[in-house]
Protein backbone atom coordinates (compact mmCIF):
# COMPACT_ATOMS: atom_id res chain seq x y z
CA MET A 1 61.27 100.73 59.09
CA ASN A 2 60.33 100.37 62.75
CA VAL A 3 61.38 96.86 63.86
CA PRO A 4 59.66 95.63 67.03
CA ALA A 5 61.74 94.68 70.06
CA ARG A 6 62.30 91.04 70.96
CA ALA A 7 59.17 90.91 73.16
CA GLY A 8 57.11 92.28 70.27
CA ILE A 9 58.48 89.70 67.86
CA LEU A 10 57.80 86.86 70.31
CA THR A 11 54.26 88.11 70.89
CA LEU A 12 53.65 88.34 67.13
CA LEU A 13 54.99 84.81 66.62
CA ALA A 14 52.77 83.48 69.40
CA TYR A 15 49.80 85.29 67.89
CA ILE A 16 50.55 83.92 64.42
CA ALA A 17 50.80 80.39 65.85
CA THR A 18 47.36 80.58 67.46
CA ILE A 19 45.64 81.02 64.09
CA PRO A 20 46.60 77.71 62.46
CA ALA A 21 46.64 76.02 65.89
CA ALA A 22 42.96 76.90 66.34
CA ASN A 23 42.06 75.46 62.94
CA LEU A 24 44.16 72.34 63.49
CA ALA A 25 42.51 71.80 66.88
CA VAL A 26 39.07 71.89 65.27
CA SER A 27 40.20 69.50 62.54
CA HIS A 28 41.80 67.00 64.93
CA PHE A 29 39.72 67.24 68.11
CA GLY A 30 36.32 68.39 66.89
CA VAL A 31 34.19 69.64 69.76
CA VAL A 32 35.34 70.01 73.39
CA PRO A 33 33.60 70.85 76.67
CA VAL A 34 34.03 74.44 77.89
CA GLY A 35 32.05 74.28 81.13
CA PHE A 36 28.48 74.50 82.40
CA GLY A 37 27.45 71.75 79.98
CA TYR A 38 28.46 73.72 76.88
CA THR A 39 30.71 72.58 74.08
CA ALA A 40 32.54 74.39 71.31
CA PRO A 41 34.88 73.62 68.43
CA ALA A 42 38.29 72.79 69.94
CA GLY A 43 39.98 75.89 68.56
CA VAL A 44 38.00 78.04 70.99
CA TYR A 45 40.81 78.20 73.54
CA MET A 46 43.43 79.16 70.96
CA VAL A 47 41.19 81.90 69.60
CA GLY A 48 40.54 83.20 73.11
CA LEU A 49 44.28 83.39 73.62
CA ALA A 50 44.70 84.99 70.18
CA LEU A 51 42.39 87.85 71.16
CA VAL A 52 44.69 88.79 74.04
CA LEU A 53 47.90 88.18 72.11
CA ARG A 54 46.58 90.41 69.33
CA ASP A 55 46.21 93.32 71.73
CA LEU A 56 49.63 92.69 73.26
CA ALA A 57 51.17 92.45 69.79
CA ARG A 58 49.51 95.73 68.84
CA GLU A 59 51.04 97.35 71.92
CA ALA A 60 54.49 95.94 71.20
CA ALA A 61 54.66 96.07 67.42
CA GLY A 62 51.82 98.21 66.07
CA ARG A 63 48.69 97.79 64.01
CA SER A 64 50.36 97.04 60.67
CA ALA A 65 52.44 94.27 62.25
CA VAL A 66 49.24 92.68 63.61
CA LEU A 67 47.56 92.85 60.21
CA THR A 68 50.63 91.22 58.67
CA ALA A 69 50.52 88.56 61.39
CA ILE A 70 46.89 87.79 60.54
CA ALA A 71 47.85 87.33 56.88
CA ILE A 72 50.74 85.02 57.79
CA GLY A 73 48.58 83.03 60.23
CA THR A 74 45.88 82.69 57.59
CA LEU A 75 48.37 81.46 55.00
CA LEU A 76 49.69 78.89 57.48
CA SER A 77 46.11 77.79 58.16
CA TYR A 78 45.55 77.18 54.45
CA LEU A 79 48.73 75.12 54.29
CA LEU A 80 48.12 73.11 57.47
CA ALA A 81 44.38 72.88 58.09
CA ASP A 82 41.14 72.29 56.24
CA PRO A 83 40.67 75.05 53.62
CA ASN A 84 37.02 75.60 54.61
CA LEU A 85 38.04 76.19 58.23
CA ALA A 86 40.87 78.44 57.10
CA THR A 87 38.48 80.54 55.01
CA ALA A 88 35.93 80.84 57.82
CA SER A 89 38.72 81.68 60.23
CA ALA A 90 40.26 84.30 57.94
CA ILE A 91 36.97 86.12 57.44
CA ALA A 92 36.09 85.94 61.13
CA PHE A 93 39.55 87.16 62.21
CA ALA A 94 39.49 90.05 59.73
CA VAL A 95 36.06 91.32 60.74
CA ALA A 96 36.77 90.80 64.44
CA GLU A 97 40.05 92.69 64.04
CA ILE A 98 38.33 95.68 62.44
CA MET A 99 35.74 95.73 65.22
CA ASP A 100 38.46 95.28 67.82
CA PHE A 101 40.37 98.30 66.47
CA ALA A 102 37.19 100.39 66.66
CA VAL A 103 36.77 99.58 70.36
CA TYR A 104 40.39 99.20 71.48
CA GLU A 105 41.88 102.38 70.07
CA PRO A 106 39.53 104.88 71.80
CA LEU A 107 39.67 102.99 75.12
CA ARG A 108 43.44 102.52 75.17
CA GLN A 109 44.03 105.92 76.78
CA ARG A 110 41.87 104.80 79.72
CA GLY A 111 44.03 101.74 80.35
CA LEU A 112 45.35 98.62 78.67
CA LEU A 113 43.26 96.13 80.63
CA LEU A 114 40.00 98.03 80.09
CA ALA A 115 40.72 98.30 76.36
CA MET A 116 41.57 94.58 76.18
CA LEU A 117 38.44 93.46 78.03
CA ALA A 118 36.08 95.64 76.00
CA SER A 119 37.67 94.95 72.62
CA ASN A 120 37.92 91.22 73.32
CA ALA A 121 34.23 91.11 74.23
CA VAL A 122 33.35 92.66 70.87
CA GLY A 123 35.97 90.61 69.02
CA LEU A 124 34.97 87.27 70.50
CA LEU A 125 31.31 87.82 69.68
CA ALA A 126 32.02 88.89 66.08
CA ASP A 127 34.53 86.09 65.57
CA SER A 128 32.17 83.48 67.04
CA LEU A 129 29.13 84.52 65.03
CA LEU A 130 30.99 84.63 61.73
CA PHE A 131 33.18 81.57 62.22
CA LEU A 132 30.36 79.29 63.35
CA GLN A 133 28.05 80.38 60.56
CA LEU A 134 30.72 80.11 57.86
CA ALA A 135 32.40 76.92 59.10
CA PHE A 136 29.36 74.97 60.30
CA GLY A 137 26.32 76.79 58.91
CA SER A 138 24.93 76.94 62.43
CA LEU A 139 25.17 78.93 65.65
CA ASP A 140 24.55 75.87 67.84
CA TYR A 141 27.96 76.23 69.51
CA LEU A 142 27.65 79.98 70.11
CA PRO A 143 27.21 79.82 73.92
CA GLY A 144 30.21 77.49 74.20
CA GLN A 145 32.30 79.65 71.87
CA ILE A 146 31.58 82.74 73.93
CA LEU A 147 32.22 80.94 77.23
CA GLY A 148 35.49 79.31 76.10
CA LYS A 149 36.90 82.55 74.68
CA THR A 150 35.80 84.42 77.79
CA TRP A 151 37.67 81.92 80.00
CA MET A 152 40.86 82.50 78.02
CA THR A 153 40.47 86.28 78.01
CA LEU A 154 39.87 86.38 81.76
CA ALA A 155 42.80 84.03 82.43
CA ALA A 156 45.14 86.12 80.29
CA VAL A 157 43.99 89.46 81.74
CA THR A 158 44.31 88.06 85.28
CA THR A 159 47.84 86.87 84.49
CA LEU A 160 48.77 90.27 83.03
CA THR A 161 47.35 92.04 86.09
CA LEU A 162 49.38 89.82 88.41
CA LEU A 163 52.54 90.32 86.36
CA ARG A 164 52.09 94.10 86.40
CA ARG A 165 51.64 94.07 90.18
CA THR A 166 54.71 91.87 90.61
CA LYS A 167 56.79 94.32 88.55
CA ARG A 168 55.60 97.25 90.68
CA THR A 169 56.35 95.54 93.99
CA PRO A 170 59.94 96.24 95.08
CA ALA A 171 61.95 93.19 96.09
């Protein structure tokens, strides 16, 4: 069995934590502002972070480890959050993950950041459409969902870009 390195394990744990954290945020905080007058369910920021962590976890630990992480995160959501949110989240994560794989895998050879941006764009749209419809029966928060997840994706990709440049710069 191929056991991921410490960084891979930490990334997987962070990814797993974002799944129930997103559902708990929605349960406890409801709707939050995301900018430009839009609002979204409070888990939007955690899910935006999850999209990036998922790609990093895939890099560090592989596809099967990410699928296992989704299952663990979903189970934790059922134990900690509202079951209806957990169900909507599980379905949305699963479909978004399948779509993400379809975009990420072919683009990965052209660069990590390009693959992350493209797959996250597809993943955040799929996740938002499904989650909002299943959890709330409405797409009223769709612009806010997309904006909030985009903020988190851009922040994470910017941070990764800066970290990569710092590593390349000799001291």
